[in-house]
Amino acid sequence: MGYMTDKVEIAKNPNTPVESLTKFATDKDKHVRGGVAVNPNTPGEALSKLATDKSGIVRFQVGLNPNTPVEAFIKLTTDKNLFKVLRFGYPPVHPFRPKLTKHRNK
């Protein structure tokens, strides 16, 4: 494996320490940040920051994480490229989907 591939795998690994995940959340490589975004142990504060990432892929992956804070998840609905996917497609069992649907239908 290459160096960058190793960093991505470490970022996705649920056994990676929170301190490392927080550091990787600001990595210059979007794939590393995406790995952090899907990690179930990434702190909510890091997920909230990643919800405004310049990479649409990273923002999408934040939307897949069931631990994304509801405020960050709702913020993602203002992203016209992600709204339909997050509302109707993925993740199929995200805990905020019912709140999101109710919020956007008002």
C-alpha atoms as a PDB file:
ATOM      1  CA  MET A   1       0.000   0.000   0.000  1.00  0.00           C
ATOM      2  CA  GLY A   2       1.063   3.561  -0.633  1.00  0.00           C
ATOM      3  CA  TYR A   3       1.374   6.264   1.987  1.00  0.00           C
ATOM      4  CA  MET A   4      -1.895   7.999   1.028  1.00  0.00           C
ATOM      5  CA  THR A   5      -3.793   4.708   0.866  1.00  0.00           C
ATOM      6  CA  ASP A   6      -2.505   3.871   4.343  1.00  0.00           C
ATOM      7  CA  LYS A   7      -3.729   7.231   5.675  1.00  0.00           C
ATOM      8  CA  VAL A   8      -7.173   6.655   4.168  1.00  0.00           C
ATOM      9  CA  GLU A   9      -7.403   3.210   5.751  1.00  0.00           C
ATOM     10  CA  ILE A  10      -6.312   4.602   9.119  1.00  0.00           C
ATOM     11  CA  ALA A  11      -8.883   7.411   8.829  1.00  0.00           C
ATOM     12  CA  LYS A  12     -11.689   4.882   8.157  1.00  0.00           C
ATOM     13  CA  ASN A  13     -10.611   2.466  10.895  1.00  0.00           C
ATOM     14  CA  PRO A  14     -12.975   2.602  13.915  1.00  0.00           C
ATOM     15  CA  ASN A  15     -10.018   1.834  16.196  1.00  0.00           C
ATOM     16  CA  THR A  16      -8.176   5.009  15.207  1.00  0.00           C
ATOM     17  CA  PRO A  17      -7.840   7.361  18.195  1.00  0.00           C
ATOM     18  CA  VAL A  18     -10.109  10.414  18.208  1.00  0.00           C
ATOM     19  CA  GLU A  19      -7.055  12.698  18.313  1.00  0.00           C
ATOM     20  CA  SER A  20      -5.845  11.218  15.015  1.00  0.00           C
ATOM     21  CA  LEU A  21      -9.294  11.517  13.438  1.00  0.00           C
ATOM     22  CA  THR A  22      -9.452  15.180  14.418  1.00  0.00           C
ATOM     23  CA  LYS A  23      -6.038  15.754  12.834  1.00  0.00           C
ATOM     24  CA  PHE A  24      -6.941  13.815   9.674  1.00  0.00           C
ATOM     25  CA  ALA A  25     -10.155  15.875   9.344  1.00  0.00           C
ATOM     26  CA  THR A  26      -7.988  18.772   8.158  1.00  0.00           C
ATOM     27  CA  ASP A  27      -5.756  16.719   5.847  1.00  0.00           C
ATOM     28  CA  LYS A  28      -5.093  18.204   2.401  1.00  0.00           C
ATOM     29  CA  ASP A  29      -6.270  15.001   0.699  1.00  0.00           C
ATOM     30  CA  LYS A  30     -10.033  14.713   0.250  1.00  0.00           C
ATOM     31  CA  HIS A  31      -9.867  10.919   0.445  1.00  0.00           C
ATOM     32  CA  VAL A  32      -8.349  11.083   3.916  1.00  0.00           C
ATOM     33  CA  ARG A  33     -11.001  13.610   5.013  1.00  0.00           C
ATOM     34  CA  GLY A  34     -13.640  11.325   3.474  1.00  0.00           C
ATOM     35  CA  GLY A  35     -12.318   8.418   5.515  1.00  0.00           C
ATOM     36  CA  VAL A  36     -12.740  10.516   8.639  1.00  0.00           C
ATOM     37  CA  ALA A  37     -16.249  11.489   7.527  1.00  0.00           C
ATOM     38  CA  VAL A  38     -17.439   7.873   7.404  1.00  0.00           C
ATOM     39  CA  ASN A  39     -15.679   6.762  10.575  1.00  0.00           C
ATOM     40  CA  PRO A  40     -18.308   5.998  13.253  1.00  0.00           C
ATOM     41  CA  ASN A  41     -16.012   7.348  15.987  1.00  0.00           C
ATOM     42  CA  THR A  42     -15.373  10.757  14.462  1.00  0.00           C
ATOM     43  CA  PRO A  43     -16.445  13.438  16.944  1.00  0.00           C
ATOM     44  CA  GLY A  44     -19.516  15.501  16.092  1.00  0.00           C
ATOM     45  CA  GLU A  45     -17.471  18.711  16.015  1.00  0.00           C
ATOM     46  CA  ALA A  46     -15.207  17.288  13.293  1.00  0.00           C
ATOM     47  CA  LEU A  47     -18.229  16.036  11.327  1.00  0.00           C
ATOM     48  CA  SER A  48     -19.817  19.483  11.552  1.00  0.00           C
ATOM     49  CA  LYS A  49     -16.683  21.061  10.088  1.00  0.00           C
ATOM     50  CA  LEU A  50     -16.471  18.417   7.366  1.00  0.00           C
ATOM     51  CA  ALA A  51     -20.114  19.150   6.466  1.00  0.00           C
ATOM     52  CA  THR A  52     -18.817  22.401   4.937  1.00  0.00           C
ATOM     53  CA  ASP A  53     -15.804  20.802   3.208  1.00  0.00           C
ATOM     54  CA  LYS A  54     -14.936  22.080  -0.272  1.00  0.00           C
ATOM     55  CA  SER A  55     -15.213  18.528  -1.606  1.00  0.00           C
ATOM     56  CA  GLY A  56     -18.708  17.314  -2.439  1.00  0.00           C
ATOM     57  CA  ILE A  57     -17.523  13.746  -1.887  1.00  0.00           C
ATOM     58  CA  VAL A  58     -16.517  14.560   1.688  1.00  0.00           C
ATOM     59  CA  ARG A  59     -19.827  16.363   2.360  1.00  0.00           C
ATOM     60  CA  PHE A  60     -21.711  13.368   0.964  1.00  0.00           C
ATOM     61  CA  GLN A  61     -19.777  11.022   3.240  1.00  0.00           C
ATOM     62  CA  VAL A  62     -20.603  13.205   6.241  1.00  0.00           C
ATOM     63  CA  GLY A  63     -24.260  12.729   5.315  1.00  0.00           C
ATOM     64  CA  LEU A  64     -23.766   8.960   5.410  1.00  0.00           C
ATOM     65  CA  ASN A  65     -22.429   8.970   8.950  1.00  0.00           C
ATOM     66  CA  PRO A  66     -25.282   8.233  11.392  1.00  0.00           C
ATOM     67  CA  ASN A  67     -23.406  10.190  14.080  1.00  0.00           C
ATOM     68  CA  THR A  68     -23.481  13.451  12.157  1.00  0.00           C
ATOM     69  CA  PRO A  69     -25.082  16.099  14.397  1.00  0.00           C
ATOM     70  CA  VAL A  70     -28.594  16.974  13.266  1.00  0.00           C
ATOM     71  CA  GLU A  71     -27.648  20.633  12.698  1.00  0.00           C
ATOM     72  CA  ALA A  72     -24.846  19.614  10.326  1.00  0.00           C
ATOM     73  CA  PHE A  73     -27.095  17.105   8.573  1.00  0.00           C
ATOM     74  CA  ILE A  74     -29.772  19.746   8.015  1.00  0.00           C
ATOM     75  CA  LYS A  75     -27.095  22.153   6.761  1.00  0.00           C
ATOM     76  CA  LEU A  76     -26.214  19.572   4.118  1.00  0.00           C
ATOM     77  CA  THR A  77     -29.766  19.874   2.779  1.00  0.00           C
ATOM     78  CA  THR A  78     -28.928  23.362   1.534  1.00  0.00           C
ATOM     79  CA  ASP A  79     -26.384  21.768  -0.807  1.00  0.00           C
ATOM     80  CA  LYS A  80     -28.441  21.353  -3.968  1.00  0.00           C
ATOM     81  CA  ASN A  81     -26.188  18.538  -5.148  1.00  0.00           C
ATOM     82  CA  LEU A  82     -26.647  16.500  -1.986  1.00  0.00           C
ATOM     83  CA  PHE A  83     -30.211  17.225  -0.848  1.00  0.00           C
ATOM     84  CA  LYS A  84     -32.053  14.618  -2.911  1.00  0.00           C
ATOM     85  CA  VAL A  85     -29.491  11.933  -2.180  1.00  0.00           C
ATOM     86  CA  LEU A  86     -29.513  12.578   1.561  1.00  0.00           C
ATOM     87  CA  ARG A  87     -33.264  12.975   1.806  1.00  0.00           C
ATOM     88  CA  PHE A  88     -34.406  10.068  -0.322  1.00  0.00           C
ATOM     89  CA  GLY A  89     -31.447   7.801  -1.013  1.00  0.00           C
ATOM     90  CA  TYR A  90     -28.672   7.376   1.484  1.00  0.00           C
ATOM     91  CA  PRO A  91     -28.211   6.506   4.217  1.00  0.00           C
ATOM     92  CA  PRO A  92     -31.251   4.259   4.315  1.00  0.00           C
ATOM     93  CA  VAL A  93     -31.526   4.274   8.112  1.00  0.00           C
ATOM     94  CA  HIS A  94     -30.024   7.619   9.076  1.00  0.00           C
ATOM     95  CA  PRO A  95     -31.579   8.603  12.420  1.00  0.00           C
ATOM     96  CA  PHE A  96     -32.336  12.145  11.216  1.00  0.00           C
ATOM     97  CA  ARG A  97     -34.137  11.283   7.961  1.00  0.00           C
ATOM     98  CA  PRO A  98     -37.667  11.595   9.438  1.00  0.00           C
ATOM     99  CA  LYS A  99     -36.774  14.968  10.985  1.00  0.00           C
ATOM    100  CA  LEU A 100     -35.182  16.091   7.737  1.00  0.00           C
ATOM    101  CA  THR A 101     -38.202  15.167   5.633  1.00  0.00           C
ATOM    102  CA  LYS A 102     -40.512  16.916   8.082  1.00  0.00           C
ATOM    103  CA  HIS A 103     -38.211  19.975   8.198  1.00  0.00           C
ATOM    104  CA  ARG A 104     -38.059  20.383   4.393  1.00  0.00           C
ATOM    105  CA  ASN A 105     -41.802  19.806   3.812  1.00  0.00           C
ATOM    106  CA  LYS A 106     -42.810  22.858   5.853  1.00  0.00           C
END
